[in-house]
Amino acid sequence: TTIYPASRKQWYQRRVRGDVEEIIKRHDVSRLKRNSEDGYDYTKFNTFENIEKELHIIVEEYSDIARLDVMGTTHEGRNMYALRVTRDIGPEPTKPIVLIDAGIHAREWVSISTIMYIINQVVRNPDDDSLIKAFVDSYDFVFMPVLNPDGYVYTWTTDRLWRKNRAPNNNSRCIGVDLNRNWDYKWGGKGTSGNPCDIDFRGYSAFSEKETIAVRNWVDKQKSKVVLYINFHAYGQLWMTPYGYSTDTPSNEKEMLAYSRIAVNAIRKVRGTSYEYGPVYTTIYPASRKQWYQRRVRGLKFDVNFSLVVVSDIKRVI
């Protein structure tokens, strides 16, 4: 069956909505909060407070390879962190940068847990795993674990399915902007809304939000060094490449798809989990998203949007 882009978003939401709603019912947030009082647990979902504490613990214990910077603050005053990991770390990146972010949509808890697990593996096993050692020797890994701290906290305190940030919108009772629709390139295109009450509200202008401004400013400063950009999302078991705004393709599409095929096959061999791969526009639905850095980061070779499995227990992912 061929599902055309115009209707694919509705089809996709119908296909997984039942599964997600059932899993959300299993999330006893009050119990998770009680369990998190002892500190960060890599086998469970964690509060923003514990994520923040764990990041500081990591840089204290592994100061020779890890550095934590605050790249901005949110509407509610929370810090936005960038954790850099590399051999012989200095105050600024000197090697090609692999940039990985997560949590831009508040309710996608598993994206944040996954990036934290990757951080844990990289900083605590740099000499025990030859592949990790080679990567840490050759690249600056930069992790932005929670791009939407205010929204993430709100999913723990008030509304588990909240997606946007928590900034007020002028002349509207509705709160929040979909940060992944707030970038400037092709802003306002397909897959976005101009209604502040919609979950995919793009904001009144591009880069209107403190969170997207912080990421933009960090990328602009390091744009000559970034070679790979990975965004973690959930849900759907999708490994997606540019573009989301149209069926246009980047000049190196064949190369990106070849590496995508290698990646999804490797995941299947390890976990037995099948991921679909291809451009955002045709793999999931039209969505003007984070291709803004394609214009800024001229040396960027690969851009991946990684939509993870639906889980009730993070141990199923790790």
C-alpha atoms as a PDB file:
ATOM      1  CA  THR A   1       0.000   0.000   0.000  1.00  0.00           C
ATOM      2  CA  THR A   2       1.307   3.432  -0.900  1.00  0.00           C
ATOM      3  CA  ILE A   3       0.712   6.111   1.690  1.00  0.00           C
ATOM      4  CA  TYR A   4       1.121   9.583   0.269  1.00  0.00           C
ATOM      5  CA  PRO A   5       2.833  12.298   2.322  1.00  0.00           C
ATOM      6  CA  ALA A   6      -0.331  14.378   2.752  1.00  0.00           C
ATOM      7  CA  SER A   7      -2.025  11.604   4.727  1.00  0.00           C
ATOM      8  CA  ARG A   8       0.999   9.847   6.179  1.00  0.00           C
ATOM      9  CA  LYS A   9       1.066  11.885   9.381  1.00  0.00           C
ATOM     10  CA  GLN A  10      -2.488  10.828  10.246  1.00  0.00           C
ATOM     11  CA  TRP A  11      -1.717   7.215   9.363  1.00  0.00           C
ATOM     12  CA  TYR A  12       1.436   7.232  11.467  1.00  0.00           C
ATOM     13  CA  GLN A  13      -0.344   8.693  14.479  1.00  0.00           C
ATOM     14  CA  ARG A  14      -3.168   6.157  14.215  1.00  0.00           C
ATOM     15  CA  ARG A  15      -0.723   3.265  13.847  1.00  0.00           C
ATOM     16  CA  VAL A  16       1.105   3.931  17.096  1.00  0.00           C
ATOM     17  CA  ARG A  17      -1.354   5.945  19.212  1.00  0.00           C
ATOM     18  CA  GLY A  18      -2.916   2.888  20.816  1.00  0.00           C
ATOM     19  CA  ASP A  19       0.454   1.423  21.758  1.00  0.00           C
ATOM     20  CA  VAL A  20       1.719   4.706  23.187  1.00  0.00           C
ATOM     21  CA  GLU A  21      -1.405   5.380  25.233  1.00  0.00           C
ATOM     22  CA  GLU A  22      -1.192   1.912  26.759  1.00  0.00           C
ATOM     23  CA  ILE A  23       2.471   2.386  27.632  1.00  0.00           C
ATOM     24  CA  ILE A  24       1.857   5.831  29.128  1.00  0.00           C
ATOM     25  CA  LYS A  25      -0.695   4.266  31.465  1.00  0.00           C
ATOM     26  CA  ARG A  26       2.110   2.099  32.835  1.00  0.00           C
ATOM     27  CA  HIS A  27       4.225   5.152  33.682  1.00  0.00           C
ATOM     28  CA  ASP A  28       3.546   5.738  37.371  1.00  0.00           C
ATOM     29  CA  VAL A  29       5.283   9.114  37.522  1.00  0.00           C
ATOM     30  CA  SER A  30       4.970   9.424  41.306  1.00  0.00           C
ATOM     31  CA  ARG A  31       6.665   6.050  41.742  1.00  0.00           C
ATOM     32  CA  LEU A  32       9.409   6.974  39.273  1.00  0.00           C
ATOM     33  CA  LYS A  33      10.041  10.201  41.178  1.00  0.00           C
ATOM     34  CA  ARG A  34      10.338   8.330  44.464  1.00  0.00           C
ATOM     35  CA  ASN A  35      12.761   5.849  42.938  1.00  0.00           C
ATOM     36  CA  SER A  36      14.847   8.671  41.496  1.00  0.00           C
ATOM     37  CA  GLU A  37      15.535  10.215  44.898  1.00  0.00           C
ATOM     38  CA  ASP A  38      18.579   7.962  45.285  1.00  0.00           C
ATOM     39  CA  GLY A  39      20.272   9.429  42.206  1.00  0.00           C
ATOM     40  CA  TYR A  40      20.549   8.681  38.510  1.00  0.00           C
ATOM     41  CA  ASP A  41      19.539   5.159  37.453  1.00  0.00           C
ATOM     42  CA  TYR A  42      20.564   4.109  33.933  1.00  0.00           C
ATOM     43  CA  THR A  43      17.880   1.423  33.848  1.00  0.00           C
ATOM     44  CA  LYS A  44      14.996   3.832  34.494  1.00  0.00           C
ATOM     45  CA  PHE A  45      13.618   7.187  33.413  1.00  0.00           C
ATOM     46  CA  ASN A  46      15.002  10.072  35.475  1.00  0.00           C
ATOM     47  CA  THR A  47      13.949  13.555  36.516  1.00  0.00           C
ATOM     48  CA  PHE A  48      15.671  16.636  35.115  1.00  0.00           C
ATOM     49  CA  GLU A  49      17.165  17.281  38.539  1.00  0.00           C
ATOM     50  CA  ASN A  50      18.892  13.904  38.545  1.00  0.00           C
ATOM     51  CA  ILE A  51      20.034  14.294  34.938  1.00  0.00           C
ATOM     52  CA  GLU A  52      21.597  17.626  35.888  1.00  0.00           C
ATOM     53  CA  LYS A  53      23.320  16.084  38.918  1.00  0.00           C
ATOM     54  CA  GLU A  54      24.622  13.159  36.875  1.00  0.00           C
ATOM     55  CA  LEU A  55      26.155  15.471  34.268  1.00  0.00           C
ATOM     56  CA  HIS A  56      28.059  17.311  37.006  1.00  0.00           C
ATOM     57  CA  ILE A  57      29.207  14.020  38.547  1.00  0.00           C
ATOM     58  CA  ILE A  58      30.521  12.870  35.167  1.00  0.00           C
ATOM     59  CA  VAL A  59      32.666  15.947  34.600  1.00  0.00           C
ATOM     60  CA  GLU A  60      34.003  15.763  38.153  1.00  0.00           C
ATOM     61  CA  GLU A  61      34.978  12.097  37.839  1.00  0.00           C
ATOM     62  CA  TYR A  62      36.240  12.279  34.252  1.00  0.00           C
ATOM     63  CA  SER A  63      37.629  15.786  34.023  1.00  0.00           C
ATOM     64  CA  ASP A  64      40.433  14.589  31.735  1.00  0.00           C
ATOM     65  CA  ILE A  65      37.952  13.760  28.946  1.00  0.00           C
ATOM     66  CA  ALA A  66      34.687  15.556  29.811  1.00  0.00           C
ATOM     67  CA  ARG A  67      33.672  19.205  30.027  1.00  0.00           C
ATOM     68  CA  LEU A  68      30.211  20.634  30.772  1.00  0.00           C
ATOM     69  CA  ASP A  69      29.101  24.018  29.458  1.00  0.00           C
ATOM     70  CA  VAL A  70      25.875  25.958  29.889  1.00  0.00           C
ATOM     71  CA  MET A  71      24.850  27.136  26.439  1.00  0.00           C
ATOM     72  CA  GLY A  72      21.749  29.027  27.562  1.00  0.00           C
ATOM     73  CA  THR A  73      18.773  29.158  29.892  1.00  0.00           C
ATOM     74  CA  THR A  74      15.065  28.501  29.380  1.00  0.00           C
ATOM     75  CA  HIS A  75      12.014  30.676  29.970  1.00  0.00           C
ATOM     76  CA  GLU A  76      11.726  29.237  33.496  1.00  0.00           C
ATOM     77  CA  GLY A  77      15.442  29.714  34.180  1.00  0.00           C
ATOM     78  CA  ARG A  78      16.740  26.163  33.791  1.00  0.00           C
ATOM     79  CA  ASN A  79      20.184  25.542  32.330  1.00  0.00           C
ATOM     80  CA  MET A  80      20.689  24.031  28.892  1.00  0.00           C
ATOM     81  CA  TYR A  81      23.796  21.864  28.883  1.00  0.00           C
ATOM     82  CA  ALA A  82      26.343  20.809  26.306  1.00  0.00           C
ATOM     83  CA  LEU A  83      28.613  17.983  27.473  1.00  0.00           C
ATOM     84  CA  ARG A  84      31.785  17.561  25.436  1.00  0.00           C
ATOM     85  CA  VAL A  85      33.819  14.349  25.540  1.00  0.00           C
ATOM     86  CA  THR A  86      37.206  13.845  23.874  1.00  0.00           C
ATOM     87  CA  ARG A  87      40.782  12.815  24.606  1.00  0.00           C
ATOM     88  CA  ASP A  88      43.052  15.601  25.948  1.00  0.00           C
ATOM     89  CA  ILE A  89      40.092  17.912  26.372  1.00  0.00           C
ATOM     90  CA  GLY A  90      40.640  21.665  26.369  1.00  0.00           C
ATOM     91  CA  PRO A  91      38.447  24.741  26.764  1.00  0.00           C
ATOM     92  CA  GLU A  92      37.342  24.665  23.104  1.00  0.00           C
ATOM     93  CA  PRO A  93      36.822  21.873  20.518  1.00  0.00           C
ATOM     94  CA  THR A  94      39.822  21.256  18.280  1.00  0.00           C
ATOM     95  CA  LYS A  95      38.724  18.081  16.474  1.00  0.00           C
ATOM     96  CA  PRO A  96      35.838  17.304  14.113  1.00  0.00           C
ATOM     97  CA  ILE A  97      32.592  17.471  16.099  1.00  0.00           C
ATOM     98  CA  VAL A  98      29.929  14.790  16.386  1.00  0.00           C
ATOM     99  CA  LEU A  99      26.882  16.608  17.755  1.00  0.00           C
ATOM    100  CA  ILE A 100      24.061  14.587  19.350  1.00  0.00           C
ATOM    101  CA  ASP A 101      20.933  16.042  20.918  1.00  0.00           C
ATOM    102  CA  ALA A 102      17.677  14.787  22.460  1.00  0.00           C
ATOM    103  CA  GLY A 103      14.587  15.862  24.325  1.00  0.00           C
ATOM    104  CA  ILE A 104      13.457  18.702  22.096  1.00  0.00           C
ATOM    105  CA  HIS A 105       9.941  17.269  22.480  1.00  0.00           C
ATOM    106  CA  ALA A 106       9.256  17.056  26.205  1.00  0.00           C
ATOM    107  CA  ARG A 107       7.280  13.821  26.258  1.00  0.00           C
ATOM    108  CA  GLU A 108       9.918  11.781  24.412  1.00  0.00           C
ATOM    109  CA  TRP A 109      11.573  10.508  27.575  1.00  0.00           C
ATOM    110  CA  VAL A 110      13.321   7.587  25.924  1.00  0.00           C
ATOM    111  CA  SER A 111      15.360   9.936  23.709  1.00  0.00           C
ATOM    112  CA  ILE A 112      16.878  11.566  26.798  1.00  0.00           C
ATOM    113  CA  SER A 113      17.501   8.233  28.539  1.00  0.00           C
ATOM    114  CA  THR A 114      19.213   6.927  25.407  1.00  0.00           C
ATOM    115  CA  ILE A 115      21.585   9.849  25.031  1.00  0.00           C
ATOM    116  CA  MET A 116      22.457   9.641  28.739  1.00  0.00           C
ATOM    117  CA  TYR A 117      23.223   5.942  28.324  1.00  0.00           C
ATOM    118  CA  ILE A 118      25.503   6.727  25.367  1.00  0.00           C
ATOM    119  CA  ILE A 119      27.288   9.368  27.453  1.00  0.00           C
ATOM    120  CA  ASN A 120      27.772   6.836  30.238  1.00  0.00           C
ATOM    121  CA  GLN A 121      29.277   4.287  27.857  1.00  0.00           C
ATOM    122  CA  VAL A 122      31.606   6.790  26.216  1.00  0.00           C
ATOM    123  CA  VAL A 123      33.020   8.384  29.375  1.00  0.00           C
ATOM    124  CA  ARG A 124      33.301   5.211  31.435  1.00  0.00           C
ATOM    125  CA  ASN A 125      34.730   2.866  28.795  1.00  0.00           C
ATOM    126  CA  PRO A 126      37.139   4.912  26.661  1.00  0.00           C
ATOM    127  CA  ASP A 127      40.015   2.468  27.082  1.00  0.00           C
ATOM    128  CA  ASP A 128      38.078  -0.786  27.411  1.00  0.00           C
ATOM    129  CA  ASP A 129      36.358  -0.605  24.035  1.00  0.00           C
ATOM    130  CA  SER A 130      38.593  -0.138  20.985  1.00  0.00           C
ATOM    131  CA  LEU A 131      35.873   1.564  18.927  1.00  0.00           C
ATOM    132  CA  ILE A 132      35.029   4.055  21.677  1.00  0.00           C
ATOM    133  CA  LYS A 133      38.731   4.750  22.189  1.00  0.00           C
ATOM    134  CA  ALA A 134      39.198   5.427  18.470  1.00  0.00           C
ATOM    135  CA  PHE A 135      36.249   7.793  18.373  1.00  0.00           C
ATOM    136  CA  VAL A 136      37.239   9.684  21.523  1.00  0.00           C
ATOM    137  CA  ASP A 137      40.798  10.025  20.193  1.00  0.00           C
ATOM    138  CA  SER A 138      39.602  11.405  16.858  1.00  0.00           C
ATOM    139  CA  TYR A 139      36.460  13.451  17.556  1.00  0.00           C
ATOM    140  CA  ASP A 140      34.918  15.929  19.931  1.00  0.00           C
ATOM    141  CA  PHE A 141      31.609  14.369  20.975  1.00  0.00           C
ATOM    142  CA  VAL A 142      29.115  17.026  22.027  1.00  0.00           C
ATOM    143  CA  PHE A 143      25.941  15.864  23.766  1.00  0.00           C
ATOM    144  CA  MET A 144      22.936  18.123  24.362  1.00  0.00           C
ATOM    145  CA  PRO A 145      20.830  15.740  26.472  1.00  0.00           C
ATOM    146  CA  VAL A 146      17.744  17.880  27.168  1.00  0.00           C
ATOM    147  CA  LEU A 147      16.896  20.617  24.675  1.00  0.00           C
ATOM    148  CA  ASN A 148      13.553  21.341  26.341  1.00  0.00           C
ATOM    149  CA  PRO A 149      14.120  21.282  30.119  1.00  0.00           C
ATOM    150  CA  ASP A 150      10.961  23.218  31.075  1.00  0.00           C
ATOM    151  CA  GLY A 151       8.726  20.970  29.015  1.00  0.00           C
ATOM    152  CA  TYR A 152      10.436  17.853  30.326  1.00  0.00           C
ATOM    153  CA  VAL A 153       9.889  18.911  33.941  1.00  0.00           C
ATOM    154  CA  TYR A 154       6.241  19.634  33.114  1.00  0.00           C
ATOM    155  CA  THR A 155       5.778  16.050  31.874  1.00  0.00           C
ATOM    156  CA  TRP A 156       6.851  14.858  35.332  1.00  0.00           C
ATOM    157  CA  THR A 157       4.742  17.293  37.346  1.00  0.00           C
ATOM    158  CA  THR A 158       1.590  17.927  35.333  1.00  0.00           C
ATOM    159  CA  ASP A 159       1.044  16.465  31.861  1.00  0.00           C
ATOM    160  CA  ARG A 160       2.962  13.342  30.761  1.00  0.00           C
ATOM    161  CA  LEU A 161       2.130  13.977  27.090  1.00  0.00           C
ATOM    162  CA  TRP A 162       3.252  17.619  26.926  1.00  0.00           C
ATOM    163  CA  ARG A 163       5.378  18.285  23.823  1.00  0.00           C
ATOM    164  CA  LYS A 164       6.213  22.006  23.553  1.00  0.00           C
ATOM    165  CA  ASN A 165       8.273  24.328  25.728  1.00  0.00           C
ATOM    166  CA  ARG A 166       6.597  26.348  28.497  1.00  0.00           C
ATOM    167  CA  ALA A 167       6.956  29.912  27.255  1.00  0.00           C
ATOM    168  CA  PRO A 168       3.757  32.017  27.083  1.00  0.00           C
ATOM    169  CA  ASN A 169       2.446  33.196  23.714  1.00  0.00           C
ATOM    170  CA  ASN A 170       1.307  36.782  23.256  1.00  0.00           C
ATOM    171  CA  ASN A 171      -2.448  37.270  22.851  1.00  0.00           C
ATOM    172  CA  SER A 172      -3.163  33.609  23.558  1.00  0.00           C
ATOM    173  CA  ARG A 173      -4.129  31.545  26.583  1.00  0.00           C
ATOM    174  CA  CYS A 174      -2.150  28.620  25.129  1.00  0.00           C
ATOM    175  CA  ILE A 175       1.374  27.929  26.304  1.00  0.00           C
ATOM    176  CA  GLY A 176       4.419  26.771  24.412  1.00  0.00           C
ATOM    177  CA  VAL A 177       6.109  26.454  21.042  1.00  0.00           C
ATOM    178  CA  ASP A 178       7.129  23.283  19.241  1.00  0.00           C
ATOM    179  CA  LEU A 179      10.866  23.947  19.322  1.00  0.00           C
ATOM    180  CA  ASN A 180      11.496  21.590  16.422  1.00  0.00           C
ATOM    181  CA  ARG A 181       9.347  23.864  14.233  1.00  0.00           C
ATOM    182  CA  ASN A 182      11.045  27.081  15.368  1.00  0.00           C
ATOM    183  CA  TRP A 183      14.206  26.959  13.228  1.00  0.00           C
ATOM    184  CA  ASP A 184      14.579  29.574  10.492  1.00  0.00           C
ATOM    185  CA  TYR A 185      15.218  27.537   7.352  1.00  0.00           C
ATOM    186  CA  LYS A 186      11.881  26.894   5.607  1.00  0.00           C
ATOM    187  CA  TRP A 187      10.181  28.194   8.748  1.00  0.00           C
ATOM    188  CA  GLY A 188       6.401  28.016   8.515  1.00  0.00           C
ATOM    189  CA  GLY A 189       6.361  25.234   5.945  1.00  0.00           C
ATOM    190  CA  LYS A 190       4.548  21.929   5.852  1.00  0.00           C
ATOM    191  CA  GLY A 191       4.089  20.094   9.118  1.00  0.00           C
ATOM    192  CA  THR A 192       3.842  23.276  11.211  1.00  0.00           C
ATOM    193  CA  SER A 193       0.964  25.296  12.622  1.00  0.00           C
ATOM    194  CA  GLY A 194       0.365  29.005  13.179  1.00  0.00           C
ATOM    195  CA  ASN A 195      -2.128  28.287  15.957  1.00  0.00           C
ATOM    196  CA  PRO A 196      -0.578  28.666  19.447  1.00  0.00           C
ATOM    197  CA  CYS A 197      -2.948  26.009  20.786  1.00  0.00           C
ATOM    198  CA  ASP A 198      -1.662  23.307  18.409  1.00  0.00           C
ATOM    199  CA  ILE A 199       1.091  20.908  19.464  1.00  0.00           C
ATOM    200  CA  ASP A 200       3.145  21.771  16.366  1.00  0.00           C
ATOM    201  CA  PHE A 201       2.876  25.563  16.784  1.00  0.00           C
ATOM    202  CA  ARG A 202       5.971  27.035  15.143  1.00  0.00           C
ATOM    203  CA  GLY A 203       6.076  30.276  17.137  1.00  0.00           C
ATOM    204  CA  TYR A 204       5.347  33.774  15.887  1.00  0.00           C
ATOM    205  CA  SER A 205       8.764  33.969  14.234  1.00  0.00           C
ATOM    206  CA  ALA A 206      11.810  31.792  13.619  1.00  0.00           C
ATOM    207  CA  PHE A 207      14.181  31.547  16.583  1.00  0.00           C
ATOM    208  CA  SER A 208      11.635  33.209  18.850  1.00  0.00           C
ATOM    209  CA  GLU A 209      12.484  30.823  21.712  1.00  0.00           C
ATOM    210  CA  LYS A 210      15.389  30.922  24.136  1.00  0.00           C
ATOM    211  CA  GLU A 211      16.075  27.214  23.624  1.00  0.00           C
ATOM    212  CA  THR A 212      16.465  27.357  19.838  1.00  0.00           C
ATOM    213  CA  ILE A 213      18.512  30.552  20.104  1.00  0.00           C
ATOM    214  CA  ALA A 214      20.922  28.798  22.474  1.00  0.00           C
ATOM    215  CA  VAL A 215      21.427  25.876  20.090  1.00  0.00           C
ATOM    216  CA  ARG A 216      21.797  28.212  17.103  1.00  0.00           C
ATOM    217  CA  ASN A 217      24.440  30.299  18.852  1.00  0.00           C
ATOM    218  CA  TRP A 218      26.426  27.213  19.866  1.00  0.00           C
ATOM    219  CA  VAL A 219      26.320  25.771  16.353  1.00  0.00           C
ATOM    220  CA  ASP A 220      27.259  29.097  14.759  1.00  0.00           C
ATOM    221  CA  LYS A 221      30.331  29.276  16.954  1.00  0.00           C
ATOM    222  CA  GLN A 222      31.498  25.751  16.032  1.00  0.00           C
ATOM    223  CA  LYS A 223      30.051  25.414  12.531  1.00  0.00           C
ATOM    224  CA  SER A 224      33.411  24.895  10.833  1.00  0.00           C
ATOM    225  CA  LYS A 225      34.013  21.710  12.852  1.00  0.00           C
ATOM    226  CA  VAL A 226      30.649  19.854  12.901  1.00  0.00           C
ATOM    227  CA  VAL A 227      30.697  16.781  10.626  1.00  0.00           C
ATOM    228  CA  LEU A 228      27.784  14.737  12.013  1.00  0.00           C
ATOM    229  CA  TYR A 229      24.524  15.795  13.643  1.00  0.00           C
ATOM    230  CA  ILE A 230      22.179  13.227  15.231  1.00  0.00           C
ATOM    231  CA  ASN A 231      18.781  14.118  16.724  1.00  0.00           C
ATOM    232  CA  PHE A 232      17.099  11.539  18.958  1.00  0.00           C
ATOM    233  CA  HIS A 233      13.295  11.410  18.970  1.00  0.00           C
ATOM    234  CA  ALA A 234      10.564   8.933  19.842  1.00  0.00           C
ATOM    235  CA  TYR A 235       8.575   7.048  18.726  1.00  0.00           C
ATOM    236  CA  GLY A 236       8.486   5.012  15.515  1.00  0.00           C
ATOM    237  CA  GLN A 237      11.655   2.962  14.887  1.00  0.00           C
ATOM    238  CA  LEU A 238      12.781   5.287  12.112  1.00  0.00           C
ATOM    239  CA  TRP A 239      16.248   6.337  10.944  1.00  0.00           C
ATOM    240  CA  MET A 240      15.688   9.459   8.871  1.00  0.00           C
ATOM    241  CA  THR A 241      17.790  11.735   6.689  1.00  0.00           C
ATOM    242  CA  PRO A 242      17.066  15.148   5.081  1.00  0.00           C
ATOM    243  CA  TYR A 243      14.797  16.649   4.029  1.00  0.00           C
ATOM    244  CA  GLY A 244      11.543  17.151   5.874  1.00  0.00           C
ATOM    245  CA  TYR A 245      10.187  20.218   4.101  1.00  0.00           C
ATOM    246  CA  SER A 246       9.991  18.705   0.594  1.00  0.00           C
ATOM    247  CA  THR A 247      11.050  15.791  -1.571  1.00  0.00           C
ATOM    248  CA  ASP A 248      14.268  17.631  -2.454  1.00  0.00           C
ATOM    249  CA  THR A 249      17.367  15.641  -1.573  1.00  0.00           C
ATOM    250  CA  PRO A 250      20.879  16.678  -0.465  1.00  0.00           C
ATOM    251  CA  SER A 251      23.783  16.192  -2.846  1.00  0.00           C
ATOM    252  CA  ASN A 252      25.180  13.270  -0.809  1.00  0.00           C
ATOM    253  CA  GLU A 253      21.868  11.452  -0.387  1.00  0.00           C
ATOM    254  CA  LYS A 254      23.168   8.167  -1.812  1.00  0.00           C
ATOM    255  CA  GLU A 255      26.027   8.149   0.677  1.00  0.00           C
ATOM    256  CA  MET A 256      23.715   8.955   3.605  1.00  0.00           C
ATOM    257  CA  LEU A 257      21.277   6.220   2.635  1.00  0.00           C
ATOM    258  CA  ALA A 258      24.119   3.715   2.263  1.00  0.00           C
ATOM    259  CA  TYR A 259      25.331   4.448   5.778  1.00  0.00           C
ATOM    260  CA  SER A 260      21.739   4.426   7.022  1.00  0.00           C
ATOM    261  CA  ARG A 261      21.345   0.905   5.679  1.00  0.00           C
ATOM    262  CA  ILE A 262      24.520  -0.164   7.508  1.00  0.00           C
ATOM    263  CA  ALA A 263      23.231   1.416  10.740  1.00  0.00           C
ATOM    264  CA  VAL A 264      19.777  -0.170  10.732  1.00  0.00           C
ATOM    265  CA  ASN A 265      21.252  -3.565   9.847  1.00  0.00           C
ATOM    266  CA  ALA A 266      23.670  -3.267  12.786  1.00  0.00           C
ATOM    267  CA  ILE A 267      20.805  -2.422  15.143  1.00  0.00           C
ATOM    268  CA  ARG A 268      18.839  -5.422  13.913  1.00  0.00           C
ATOM    269  CA  LYS A 269      21.796  -7.743  14.513  1.00  0.00           C
ATOM    270  CA  VAL A 270      22.249  -6.541  18.096  1.00  0.00           C
ATOM    271  CA  ARG A 271      18.655  -6.082  19.238  1.00  0.00           C
ATOM    272  CA  GLY A 272      16.533  -7.812  16.608  1.00  0.00           C
ATOM    273  CA  THR A 273      14.713  -4.488  16.172  1.00  0.00           C
ATOM    274  CA  SER A 274      13.790  -3.344  12.678  1.00  0.00           C
ATOM    275  CA  TYR A 275      14.154   0.318  11.727  1.00  0.00           C
ATOM    276  CA  GLU A 276      12.834   1.880   8.543  1.00  0.00           C
ATOM    277  CA  TYR A 277      15.175   4.408   6.925  1.00  0.00           C
ATOM    278  CA  GLY A 278      14.897   7.180   4.369  1.00  0.00           C
ATOM    279  CA  PRO A 279      14.216  10.931   4.023  1.00  0.00           C
ATOM    280  CA  VAL A 280      11.950  12.529   6.653  1.00  0.00           C
ATOM    281  CA  TYR A 281       9.412  13.753   4.101  1.00  0.00           C
ATOM    282  CA  THR A 282       8.611  10.314   2.693  1.00  0.00           C
ATOM    283  CA  THR A 283       9.520   8.108   5.662  1.00  0.00           C
ATOM    284  CA  ILE A 284       7.229   9.732   8.222  1.00  0.00           C
ATOM    285  CA  TYR A 285       5.508  12.943   7.024  1.00  0.00           C
ATOM    286  CA  PRO A 286       6.279  16.489   5.817  1.00  0.00           C
ATOM    287  CA  ALA A 287       7.889  18.441   8.636  1.00  0.00           C
ATOM    288  CA  SER A 288       9.910  21.618   8.368  1.00  0.00           C
ATOM    289  CA  ARG A 289      12.504  20.930  11.031  1.00  0.00           C
ATOM    290  CA  LYS A 290      16.154  21.347  11.846  1.00  0.00           C
ATOM    291  CA  GLN A 291      17.646  21.691   8.352  1.00  0.00           C
ATOM    292  CA  TRP A 292      18.628  25.251   9.322  1.00  0.00           C
ATOM    293  CA  TYR A 293      22.132  24.001  10.143  1.00  0.00           C
ATOM    294  CA  GLN A 294      22.533  22.693   6.603  1.00  0.00           C
ATOM    295  CA  ARG A 295      22.969  26.326   5.564  1.00  0.00           C
ATOM    296  CA  ARG A 296      25.322  27.166   8.422  1.00  0.00           C
ATOM    297  CA  VAL A 297      27.462  24.032   8.727  1.00  0.00           C
ATOM    298  CA  ARG A 298      29.055  23.751   5.324  1.00  0.00           C
ATOM    299  CA  GLY A 299      31.252  20.843   6.353  1.00  0.00           C
ATOM    300  CA  LEU A 300      28.339  18.787   7.656  1.00  0.00           C
ATOM    301  CA  LYS A 301      28.411  15.414   5.939  1.00  0.00           C
ATOM    302  CA  PHE A 302      25.665  13.497   7.722  1.00  0.00           C
ATOM    303  CA  ASP A 303      22.414  14.474   9.422  1.00  0.00           C
ATOM    304  CA  VAL A 304      20.310  11.802  11.102  1.00  0.00           C
ATOM    305  CA  ASN A 305      16.919  12.017  12.821  1.00  0.00           C
ATOM    306  CA  PHE A 306      16.681   8.860  14.924  1.00  0.00           C
ATOM    307  CA  SER A 307      13.161   7.992  16.141  1.00  0.00           C
ATOM    308  CA  LEU A 308      13.408   5.313  18.824  1.00  0.00           C
ATOM    309  CA  VAL A 309      11.205   2.410  19.837  1.00  0.00           C
ATOM    310  CA  VAL A 310       8.149   2.772  22.043  1.00  0.00           C
ATOM    311  CA  VAL A 311       9.065   1.474  25.513  1.00  0.00           C
ATOM    312  CA  SER A 312       7.620   1.241  28.983  1.00  0.00           C
ATOM    313  CA  ASP A 313      10.998   0.177  30.401  1.00  0.00           C
ATOM    314  CA  ILE A 314      14.280   1.791  29.334  1.00  0.00           C
ATOM    315  CA  LYS A 315      16.053  -1.552  29.778  1.00  0.00           C
ATOM    316  CA  ARG A 316      14.414  -2.681  26.526  1.00  0.00           C
ATOM    317  CA  VAL A 317      16.469  -0.057  24.676  1.00  0.00           C
ATOM    318  CA  ILE A 318      19.851  -0.540  26.364  1.00  0.00           C
END
